């Protein structure tokens, strides 16, 4: 009987030590994740400064950005280029010697992307296809790239 009690007590002690060690490790890891410069909340002024200087802020427009046909896409400017958003997706483009250079396209969920590479001069068309078709036309103007988009049922 004493031997059984000793075995149960030993097992309970080992389980308590293992649980305590696991909890301590999780706390230590969680403390490391929630600290440092990556965990700091960035102010609006810092985001604007980083976008203007090409700093570490994200190049994507806010999730609340909206656009309506005819008013042109929602835009933001980064050091790499200008960001244009439409219901079909996002395009980042810049001008190089009067020619539009599409740096990247990112379709919205449910959409695919096709770029008209044949006319890669002062005008480029990016097409987002999905539940509807969205055409985004990009041109180089005096202030850099500009875009407009059309919705096709």
Protein backbone atom coordinates (compact mmCIF):
# COMPACT_ATOMS: atom_id res chain seq x y z
CA UNK A 1 0.00 0.00 0.00
CA UNK A 2 2.82 2.40 0.85
CA UNK A 3 4.40 1.64 -2.48
CA UNK A 4 1.21 2.57 -4.39
CA UNK A 5 0.85 5.82 -2.47
CA UNK A 6 4.49 6.68 -3.22
CA UNK A 7 4.00 5.92 -6.94
CA UNK A 8 0.82 8.03 -7.17
CA UNK A 9 2.46 10.88 -5.24
CA UNK A 10 5.54 10.70 -7.50
CA UNK A 11 3.40 10.71 -10.62
CA UNK A 12 1.38 13.72 -9.38
CA UNK A 13 4.61 15.61 -8.58
CA UNK A 14 6.03 14.87 -12.04
CA UNK A 15 2.78 16.00 -13.70
CA UNK A 16 2.77 19.23 -11.66
CA UNK A 17 6.40 19.98 -12.55
CA UNK A 18 5.77 19.30 -16.27
CA UNK A 19 2.63 21.48 -16.30
CA UNK A 20 4.39 24.29 -14.43
CA UNK A 21 7.37 24.11 -16.78
CA UNK A 22 5.11 24.23 -19.83
CA UNK A 23 3.20 27.24 -18.52
CA UNK A 24 6.44 29.05 -17.71
CA UNK A 25 7.74 28.39 -21.24
CA UNK A 26 4.52 29.70 -22.81
CA UNK A 27 4.69 32.88 -20.70
CA UNK A 28 8.33 33.40 -21.68
CA UNK A 29 7.58 32.95 -25.39
CA UNK A 30 4.48 35.19 -25.21
CA UNK A 31 6.49 37.94 -23.50
CA UNK A 32 9.00 37.84 -26.37
CA UNK A 33 6.26 38.03 -29.01
CA UNK A 34 4.53 41.04 -27.48
CA UNK A 35 7.62 43.21 -27.10
CA UNK A 36 10.04 44.97 -29.39
CA UNK A 37 9.54 47.42 -32.25
CA UNK A 38 7.26 45.12 -34.26
CA UNK A 39 4.68 45.06 -31.45
CA UNK A 40 4.51 48.85 -31.09
CA UNK A 41 1.36 50.60 -32.33
CA UNK A 42 2.19 53.08 -35.09
CA UNK A 43 0.60 56.55 -35.08
CA UNK A 44 -0.98 58.13 -38.15
CA UNK A 45 1.85 60.67 -38.38
CA UNK A 46 4.45 57.87 -38.36
CA UNK A 47 2.59 56.01 -41.11
CA UNK A 48 2.39 59.15 -43.27
CA UNK A 49 6.09 59.85 -42.71
CA UNK A 50 7.06 56.26 -43.56
CA UNK A 51 4.95 56.31 -46.72
CA UNK A 52 6.49 59.61 -47.80
CA UNK A 53 10.05 58.42 -47.18
CA UNK A 54 9.67 54.79 -48.25
CA UNK A 55 9.96 53.54 -44.66
CA UNK A 56 8.66 50.37 -43.08
CA UNK A 57 4.92 51.10 -43.27
CA UNK A 58 2.67 48.97 -45.45
CA UNK A 59 2.18 50.08 -49.05
CA UNK A 60 -1.45 48.93 -49.13
CA UNK A 61 -4.39 51.27 -48.70
CA UNK A 62 -6.60 50.93 -45.65
CA UNK A 63 -9.32 48.30 -45.55
CA UNK A 64 -11.94 51.05 -45.37
CA UNK A 65 -10.93 52.60 -48.69
CA UNK A 66 -13.77 52.69 -51.20
CA UNK A 67 -14.12 53.67 -54.82
CA UNK A 68 -17.04 54.18 -57.18
CA UNK A 69 -17.04 53.95 -60.97
CA UNK A 70 -16.16 57.20 -62.66
CA UNK A 71 -14.45 58.70 -59.61
CA UNK A 72 -11.20 56.82 -60.21
CA UNK A 73 -9.56 54.29 -57.96
CA UNK A 74 -8.52 54.89 -54.38
CA UNK A 75 -4.85 55.86 -54.43
CA UNK A 76 -1.87 56.03 -52.11
CA UNK A 77 1.70 56.93 -52.96
CA UNK A 78 4.76 54.98 -51.86
CA UNK A 79 8.44 55.38 -52.62
CA UNK A 80 8.20 52.48 -55.08
CA UNK A 81 5.09 53.70 -56.91
CA UNK A 82 1.46 54.64 -56.60
CA UNK A 83 -1.19 52.26 -55.29
CA UNK A 84 -4.55 52.11 -57.12
CA UNK A 85 -7.50 50.14 -55.70
CA UNK A 86 -10.75 49.02 -57.27
CA UNK A 87 -13.42 46.46 -56.34
CA UNK A 88 -11.50 43.90 -58.45
CA UNK A 89 -8.11 44.41 -56.86
CA UNK A 90 -5.06 46.58 -56.36
CA UNK A 91 -2.32 47.71 -58.74
CA UNK A 92 0.99 49.37 -57.83
CA UNK A 93 2.51 51.29 -60.74
CA UNK A 94 5.07 53.98 -61.48
CA UNK A 95 6.17 55.97 -64.51
CA UNK A 96 9.59 55.48 -66.08
CA UNK A 97 10.44 57.77 -68.97
CA UNK A 98 6.76 58.41 -69.72
CA UNK A 99 5.95 54.68 -69.74
CA UNK A 100 3.70 52.98 -67.20
CA UNK A 101 5.50 50.25 -65.26
CA UNK A 102 3.17 47.93 -63.33
CA UNK A 103 5.11 46.76 -60.29
CA UNK A 104 2.49 44.38 -58.93
CA UNK A 105 -1.16 43.42 -59.18
CA UNK A 106 -3.19 41.85 -56.40
CA UNK A 107 -6.70 40.65 -57.22
CA UNK A 108 -9.45 40.88 -54.62
CA UNK A 109 -10.84 37.63 -53.27
CA UNK A 110 -12.71 35.78 -56.01
CA UNK A 111 -10.93 37.66 -58.83
CA UNK A 112 -8.08 36.83 -61.19
CA UNK A 113 -5.75 39.25 -63.02
CA UNK A 114 -4.76 39.75 -66.64
CA UNK A 115 -2.47 42.54 -67.83
CA UNK A 116 -2.39 43.89 -71.38
CA UNK A 117 1.39 43.64 -71.92
CA UNK A 118 1.19 44.28 -75.67
CA UNK A 119 0.54 48.00 -75.16
CA UNK A 120 3.20 48.63 -72.51
CA UNK A 121 3.83 52.28 -73.34
CA UNK A 122 2.07 55.32 -71.88
CA UNK A 123 -1.10 53.25 -71.34
CA UNK A 124 -1.56 49.87 -69.64
CA UNK A 125 -4.80 47.99 -68.98
CA UNK A 126 -5.17 45.56 -66.08
CA UNK A 127 -8.27 43.38 -66.06
CA UNK A 128 -9.68 41.77 -62.91
CA UNK A 129 -12.10 38.94 -63.71
CA UNK A 130 -14.36 37.19 -61.25
CA UNK A 131 -18.03 37.68 -60.35
CA UNK A 132 -17.78 40.74 -62.61
CA UNK A 133 -15.09 42.21 -64.85
CA UNK A 134 -13.20 45.32 -63.75
CA UNK A 135 -10.87 47.06 -66.22
CA UNK A 136 -8.29 49.45 -64.80
CA UNK A 137 -6.55 51.76 -67.28
CA UNK A 138 -3.25 53.31 -66.17
CA UNK A 139 -1.51 56.24 -67.86
CA UNK A 140 1.51 58.40 -67.14
CA UNK A 141 0.66 62.02 -66.53
CA UNK A 142 2.59 65.08 -65.40
CA UNK A 143 2.21 64.04 -61.74
CA UNK A 144 3.08 60.36 -62.28
CA UNK A 145 0.76 57.44 -62.90
CA UNK A 146 -3.00 57.92 -62.94
CA UNK A 147 -5.75 55.34 -63.24
CA UNK A 148 -9.45 54.92 -63.89
CA UNK A 149 -11.58 51.80 -63.79
CA UNK A 150 -14.79 50.51 -65.35
CA UNK A 151 -17.14 47.78 -64.21
CA UNK A 152 -18.48 45.32 -66.78
CA UNK A 153 -21.34 43.05 -65.65
